[in-house]
Every structure is written in structure tokens, then in C-alpha cells.
Amino acid sequence: MSILPIDNLGTATNKIEQMKIVTWNCNGALRKKLDIVNTLGADILVVQECEDPSLSTNAYKDWAGEYLWVGTSKNKGIGVFPKNGHTVKQLNWNKTFSIGALRSTSASLSWSTSDLKLFLPFTIDDTYTALGVWTKGSDAEAFGYMGQFWKYLQLHHEDLSNANTIILGDFNSNAQWDKQDRWWSHTDVINELEQMGIKSLYHTQCNEAQGQESTPTFYHQRKLAKPYHIDYVFMSKTLIDKSSINTGSVDTWLEVSDHLPLTVKTK
């Protein structure tokens, strides 16, 4: 899939009038895949399932630069890597949310930011608010995968509602897996984002419905017979109208990961 870029973003500074942002689940061992990552020419890289550079090789540390990283172990996390003079700053969001108007006193009706995995909020060049996502859990859990993001959204609805918001990463979710008795299913979350003025860049520019994607982003066990679309870039309207998206080719990327990179060009 290739989409032509559109007009320049008039409200941006000269530094970020043209910027390339990439999200990619590297399937581990990013330190061994730096050469192919560099071919993307990204200004900002958001990488899921990568190791902590501070606990890895010197070459990886040097490449990472002024990076951000959060994870569940030294080998499994989200990394944000700024390139070409761009800067990123982590946002220290921490809130608590409770579901009210219920008689139950269950502890499961309340949660905090630190309970949810994995999310990394940050700013780009002090202009964009971005959220790197790698949802954890499983369908065996009531709030697994997209449910984790739904919980995060309840906590940080206002934080993500500004005019320059980008939410991107591996959500492990698709509308095909909606469950009718869950208000936090994929489609419900998409609807909530749209109410905030935030939409999927791929679906907007390809004019495809959620759950009916023609371009996969993930191949289970790297098998062509098992394609899924589970990686997304969501953007506020001021950005989505002036951006383009491209999915990496299977021939190039399936050799190094089960996910394909998504490249966004914002102008």
C-alpha cells in the first residue's frame, strides 16, 4: 500500500514540517536488526518487543541515542528512538479511575496507570503528544489486549484530546474479534476515539472499514497463510488530513519479524 502525501501542516514549526514516524514490533533482538531499521530513514522510531539499550551492546546503546524505554523485562519493552535532530520527552502520566454507580465493592472496578501494560506517553519536539502502545494480556482475561487500552483511555482521555495527538503501536486487536457483551471491544474503542476526533490513518486514507483491512500488518508464526491487521496509527484530525501511511513489504520484513513496519509521513 502506498499513499501520496498531502499538503504541509501549516501550524508546525520548520523543524517538523516534514517528519517520518515509524512503528514496528521487531519480534525481539532489535540490536541485531539495526541495519534494516536504518533503511526506513525514520525521524522517530517506536519499537515494540525490543530490549533495553542500557542493558545491551555498546553498538545498540550508541544507536539508540536519547531514547525512551519501558518494559516488563530487560528484553521485552517499548522503545522510542529519535533521529535526525528530533527530541522526545517522556510524559509522567499517573491517574486512577473508578467505575461508579454500581453496588459492587470489587477492587476490579478501580485501576491506575501503572496497572496497565504497555504504554509509553511522550512528546515529539515539544509539539506532538504521542502514545506508544504494546498491549499485553490475552483473551482469557476480561481486559486483555484492547481492554487494556480501553482502561488507559478512561484514565487519559483528556491528555489525548489535544489537536496534535498520535497513538501508535501493536494493539493485538481487530474488529473481527469483537465480543458483544464487552463494552471495551475493538469497535467500541474505535468509536470512542472518533468521538475524541481521533481516527486510524490507514482506514481513513484507504477507505476501508475496521475488520475488513486488505493489508495485513502481522503474520502469525511468519506464515503467509495467517495474516492479520493488528498494528495501528491513530491521529487527531488536524494531523490525519495532512499525513500519509505506508506498510512495509512482506518480502523485506518477514525475514526479520512477524510484524511489518508502518511508516507515517506528516507534513
Protein backbone atom coordinates (compact mmCIF):
# COMPACT_ATOMS: atom_id res chain seq x y z
CA MET A 1 0.00 0.00 0.00
CA SER A 2 1.34 3.43 -0.88
CA ILE A 3 -0.45 6.72 -0.36
CA LEU A 4 0.64 10.07 -1.71
CA PRO A 5 1.40 12.78 0.87
CA ILE A 6 -0.88 15.78 1.12
CA ASP A 7 -0.39 19.49 1.97
CA ASN A 8 2.05 20.91 4.51
CA LEU A 9 0.95 21.23 8.13
CA GLY A 10 0.84 24.98 8.47
CA THR A 11 0.82 25.05 12.26
CA ALA A 12 4.02 23.04 12.66
CA THR A 13 7.43 24.54 13.26
CA ASN A 14 10.04 24.38 10.50
CA LYS A 15 11.74 21.56 12.35
CA ILE A 16 8.82 19.18 11.98
CA GLU A 17 7.12 20.33 8.78
CA GLN A 18 8.29 17.09 7.24
CA MET A 19 8.68 14.13 9.58
CA LYS A 20 8.69 10.35 9.20
CA ILE A 21 7.39 8.31 12.14
CA VAL A 22 7.63 4.51 12.20
CA THR A 23 6.01 1.94 14.49
CA TRP A 24 7.22 -1.66 14.35
CA ASN A 25 7.11 -4.75 16.52
CA CYS A 26 10.61 -6.07 15.93
CA ASN A 27 9.92 -9.56 17.39
CA GLY A 28 12.88 -9.20 19.74
CA ALA A 29 16.63 -8.68 19.37
CA LEU A 30 16.47 -5.18 17.89
CA ARG A 31 20.22 -4.89 18.47
CA LYS A 32 20.70 -7.40 15.62
CA LYS A 33 18.36 -5.61 13.21
CA LEU A 34 19.70 -2.05 13.21
CA ASP A 35 20.91 -2.14 9.60
CA ILE A 36 17.48 -2.92 8.20
CA VAL A 37 15.80 -0.47 10.58
CA ASN A 38 18.08 2.28 9.32
CA THR A 39 16.77 1.73 5.79
CA LEU A 40 13.45 3.20 6.94
CA GLY A 41 15.01 6.65 7.33
CA ALA A 42 12.77 7.38 10.31
CA ASP A 43 12.86 10.57 12.35
CA ILE A 44 11.03 8.85 15.22
CA LEU A 45 11.00 5.08 15.76
CA VAL A 46 8.50 3.45 18.13
CA VAL A 47 9.53 -0.18 18.50
CA GLN A 48 7.68 -2.89 20.41
CA GLU A 49 9.25 -6.07 21.80
CA CYS A 50 12.74 -4.57 21.93
CA GLU A 51 15.37 -4.87 24.63
CA ASP A 52 16.54 -2.09 26.95
CA PRO A 53 19.58 -0.42 25.31
CA SER A 54 21.13 0.36 28.71
CA LEU A 55 21.48 -3.38 29.37
CA SER A 56 22.59 -4.41 25.88
CA THR A 57 25.52 -3.96 23.49
CA ASN A 58 27.54 -0.78 23.11
CA ALA A 59 26.61 -0.56 19.43
CA TYR A 60 22.91 -0.67 20.30
CA LYS A 61 23.35 1.95 23.05
CA ASP A 62 25.15 4.29 20.66
CA TRP A 63 22.47 3.82 18.00
CA ALA A 64 19.63 4.40 20.49
CA GLY A 65 20.77 7.94 21.33
CA GLU A 66 18.49 9.93 23.69
CA TYR A 67 15.91 7.16 23.75
CA LEU A 68 12.92 6.29 25.96
CA TRP A 69 12.13 2.74 27.08
CA VAL A 70 9.67 0.90 29.33
CA GLY A 71 9.25 -2.83 29.68
CA THR A 72 8.26 -5.87 31.66
CA SER A 73 11.78 -7.33 31.49
CA LYS A 74 15.12 -6.19 30.08
CA ASN A 75 14.33 -7.93 26.79
CA LYS A 76 10.64 -7.06 26.33
CA GLY A 77 9.53 -3.45 26.11
CA ILE A 78 8.67 -0.39 24.03
CA GLY A 79 11.50 1.82 22.83
CA VAL A 80 11.22 5.31 21.33
CA PHE A 81 14.26 6.36 19.32
CA PRO A 82 14.58 9.94 17.98
CA LYS A 83 16.78 10.53 14.94
CA ASN A 84 17.92 13.42 12.73
CA GLY A 85 17.94 16.04 15.48
CA HIS A 86 14.42 15.37 16.79
CA THR A 87 13.74 15.15 20.51
CA VAL A 88 11.40 13.10 22.67
CA LYS A 89 10.41 13.57 26.31
CA GLN A 90 8.56 11.06 28.43
CA LEU A 91 5.27 12.18 29.97
CA ASN A 92 4.84 11.00 33.54
CA TRP A 93 1.13 10.32 33.47
CA ASN A 94 -0.31 8.68 36.57
CA LYS A 95 -4.02 8.64 37.38
CA THR A 96 -6.66 6.44 38.99
CA PHE A 97 -10.09 5.64 37.58
CA SER A 98 -13.14 4.04 39.18
CA ILE A 99 -16.36 2.74 37.68
CA GLY A 100 -19.16 4.31 39.71
CA ALA A 101 -22.92 3.84 40.05
CA LEU A 102 -22.53 0.14 40.89
CA ARG A 103 -23.36 -1.63 44.15
CA SER A 104 -20.35 -3.87 43.92
CA THR A 105 -17.29 -3.01 46.02
CA SER A 106 -14.93 -5.19 43.94
CA ALA A 107 -11.36 -3.94 43.65
CA SER A 108 -11.57 -4.65 39.91
CA LEU A 109 -13.76 -1.55 39.48
CA SER A 110 -10.73 0.71 40.02
CA TRP A 111 -7.35 0.85 38.30
CA SER A 112 -4.37 3.15 37.85
CA THR A 113 -1.97 3.97 35.05
CA SER A 114 0.76 1.75 36.48
CA ASP A 115 -1.55 -1.29 36.40
CA LEU A 116 -1.70 -1.27 32.58
CA LYS A 117 0.83 -2.71 30.15
CA LEU A 118 2.49 -1.46 28.00
CA PHE A 119 2.08 2.23 27.31
CA LEU A 120 4.69 4.94 26.82
CA PRO A 121 3.42 8.55 26.54
CA PHE A 122 5.86 11.15 25.23
CA THR A 123 6.19 14.39 23.32
CA ILE A 124 7.93 14.91 19.97
CA ASP A 125 9.82 18.19 19.61
CA ASP A 126 7.55 19.68 22.31
CA THR A 127 4.79 19.80 19.66
CA TYR A 128 3.14 16.39 19.31
CA THR A 129 1.63 14.32 22.12
CA ALA A 130 2.34 10.67 21.31
CA LEU A 131 1.49 7.36 22.93
CA GLY A 132 3.46 4.22 22.13
CA VAL A 133 1.37 1.07 22.59
CA TRP A 134 2.07 -2.63 23.00
CA THR A 135 -0.99 -4.14 24.64
CA LYS A 136 -0.47 -7.13 26.89
CA GLY A 137 -2.77 -9.79 28.27
CA SER A 138 -4.89 -12.31 26.44
CA ASP A 139 -8.47 -13.14 25.59
CA ALA A 140 -8.52 -15.31 28.72
CA GLU A 141 -8.50 -12.05 30.69
CA ALA A 142 -11.59 -9.86 30.70
CA PHE A 143 -9.50 -6.75 29.97
CA GLY A 144 -6.76 -8.24 27.83
CA TYR A 145 -5.24 -6.52 24.80
CA MET A 146 -7.73 -3.85 23.60
CA GLY A 147 -9.30 -3.93 27.05
CA GLN A 148 -6.01 -2.66 28.44
CA PHE A 149 -6.09 0.24 26.02
CA TRP A 150 -9.75 0.97 26.88
CA LYS A 151 -8.76 1.22 30.55
CA TYR A 152 -5.87 3.51 29.63
CA LEU A 153 -8.21 5.68 27.59
CA GLN A 154 -10.56 6.15 30.54
CA LEU A 155 -7.63 7.41 32.59
CA HIS A 156 -6.08 9.69 29.97
CA HIS A 157 -8.98 10.81 27.79
CA GLU A 158 -8.19 14.49 28.35
CA ASP A 159 -4.43 14.01 27.96
CA LEU A 160 -5.00 12.51 24.50
CA SER A 161 -7.60 15.02 23.34
CA ASN A 162 -5.35 17.82 22.08
CA ALA A 163 -5.04 18.78 18.42
CA ASN A 164 -1.65 17.12 17.80
CA THR A 165 -2.11 13.58 19.12
CA ILE A 166 -0.60 10.38 17.71
CA ILE A 167 -1.36 6.93 19.16
CA LEU A 168 0.57 4.12 17.54
CA GLY A 169 1.77 0.59 18.02
CA ASP A 170 0.87 -3.07 18.31
CA PHE A 171 -2.66 -3.34 19.74
CA ASN A 172 -3.05 -7.11 19.23
CA SER A 173 -6.64 -6.40 18.25
CA ASN A 174 -9.07 -6.33 15.34
CA ALA A 175 -12.81 -5.72 14.98
CA GLN A 176 -13.20 -9.31 13.80
CA TRP A 177 -12.68 -10.41 17.41
CA ASP A 178 -15.33 -8.18 19.00
CA LYS A 179 -17.44 -9.73 21.75
CA GLN A 180 -20.98 -8.44 22.10
CA ASP A 181 -21.01 -8.49 25.91
CA ARG A 182 -17.89 -6.31 26.22
CA TRP A 183 -18.16 -2.56 26.00
CA TRP A 184 -14.38 -2.37 25.58
CA SER A 185 -14.24 -4.42 22.37
CA HIS A 186 -12.24 -3.12 19.43
CA THR A 187 -15.16 -1.37 17.71
CA ASP A 188 -16.25 0.33 20.92
CA VAL A 189 -12.77 1.75 21.42
CA ILE A 190 -12.61 2.94 17.81
CA ASN A 191 -15.93 4.72 18.30
CA GLU A 192 -14.69 6.36 21.48
CA LEU A 193 -11.55 7.58 19.73
CA GLU A 194 -13.63 9.03 16.91
CA GLN A 195 -15.71 10.93 19.45
CA MET A 196 -12.42 12.47 20.57
CA GLY A 197 -11.60 13.47 16.98
CA ILE A 198 -9.00 10.70 16.58
CA LYS A 199 -9.08 8.20 13.70
CA SER A 200 -6.99 5.43 12.17
CA LEU A 201 -4.78 6.88 9.43
CA TYR A 202 -4.78 3.63 7.45
CA HIS A 203 -8.56 3.23 7.46
CA THR A 204 -9.19 6.88 6.66
CA GLN A 205 -6.87 7.09 3.68
CA CYS A 206 -7.56 3.58 2.32
CA ASN A 207 -11.31 3.97 2.83
CA GLU A 208 -11.56 0.55 4.46
CA ALA A 209 -13.75 -0.48 7.38
CA GLN A 210 -12.34 -1.81 10.64
CA GLY A 211 -12.11 -5.59 10.38
CA GLN A 212 -12.02 -5.52 6.57
CA GLU A 213 -8.42 -4.49 6.01
CA SER A 214 -6.82 -5.55 2.72
CA THR A 215 -3.26 -5.07 4.02
CA PRO A 216 -2.06 -7.23 6.94
CA THR A 217 0.47 -5.94 9.47
CA PHE A 218 1.19 -9.26 11.18
CA TYR A 219 1.74 -12.86 10.08
CA HIS A 220 1.33 -15.41 12.86
CA GLN A 221 4.44 -17.57 13.07
CA ARG A 222 5.61 -15.64 9.97
CA LYS A 223 3.27 -17.72 7.81
CA LEU A 224 1.66 -16.05 4.81
CA ALA A 225 -1.45 -18.16 5.39
CA LYS A 226 -2.03 -16.46 8.77
CA PRO A 227 -2.33 -12.70 8.07
CA TYR A 228 -3.87 -10.19 10.48
CA HIS A 229 -4.16 -6.42 10.81
CA ILE A 230 -3.35 -5.60 14.44
CA ASP A 231 -0.96 -2.61 14.27
CA TYR A 232 -2.40 0.91 14.02
CA VAL A 233 -1.62 4.61 13.85
CA PHE A 234 -4.38 6.83 15.23
CA MET A 235 -4.13 10.60 14.76
CA SER A 236 -6.12 13.70 15.60
CA LYS A 237 -7.95 15.30 12.68
CA THR A 238 -5.52 18.21 12.31
CA LEU A 239 -2.77 15.69 11.56
CA ILE A 240 -4.61 12.90 9.77
CA ASP A 241 -5.74 15.18 6.94
CA LYS A 242 -2.11 16.05 6.19
CA SER A 243 -0.38 12.70 6.60
CA SER A 244 0.29 9.53 4.63
CA ILE A 245 0.96 5.93 5.64
CA ASN A 246 2.85 3.02 4.11
CA THR A 247 3.10 -0.62 5.19
CA GLY A 248 6.44 -2.40 4.80
CA SER A 249 6.71 -5.17 2.23
CA VAL A 250 6.42 -8.82 3.18
CA ASP A 251 9.47 -9.74 1.10
CA THR A 252 11.69 -7.39 3.09
CA TRP A 253 10.38 -7.59 6.64
CA LEU A 254 9.02 -11.08 7.22
CA GLU A 255 12.58 -12.37 7.32
CA VAL A 256 13.29 -10.38 10.50
CA SER A 257 9.91 -10.12 12.26
CA ASP A 258 6.34 -11.38 12.25
CA HIS A 259 5.17 -7.75 12.01
CA LEU A 260 5.54 -5.23 9.18
CA PRO A 261 6.55 -1.62 9.97
CA LEU A 262 4.04 1.21 9.48
CA THR A 263 5.63 4.42 8.21
CA VAL A 264 3.81 7.72 8.60
CA LYS A 265 4.81 10.89 6.79
CA THR A 266 3.44 14.04 8.36
CA LYS A 267 3.67 17.35 6.51
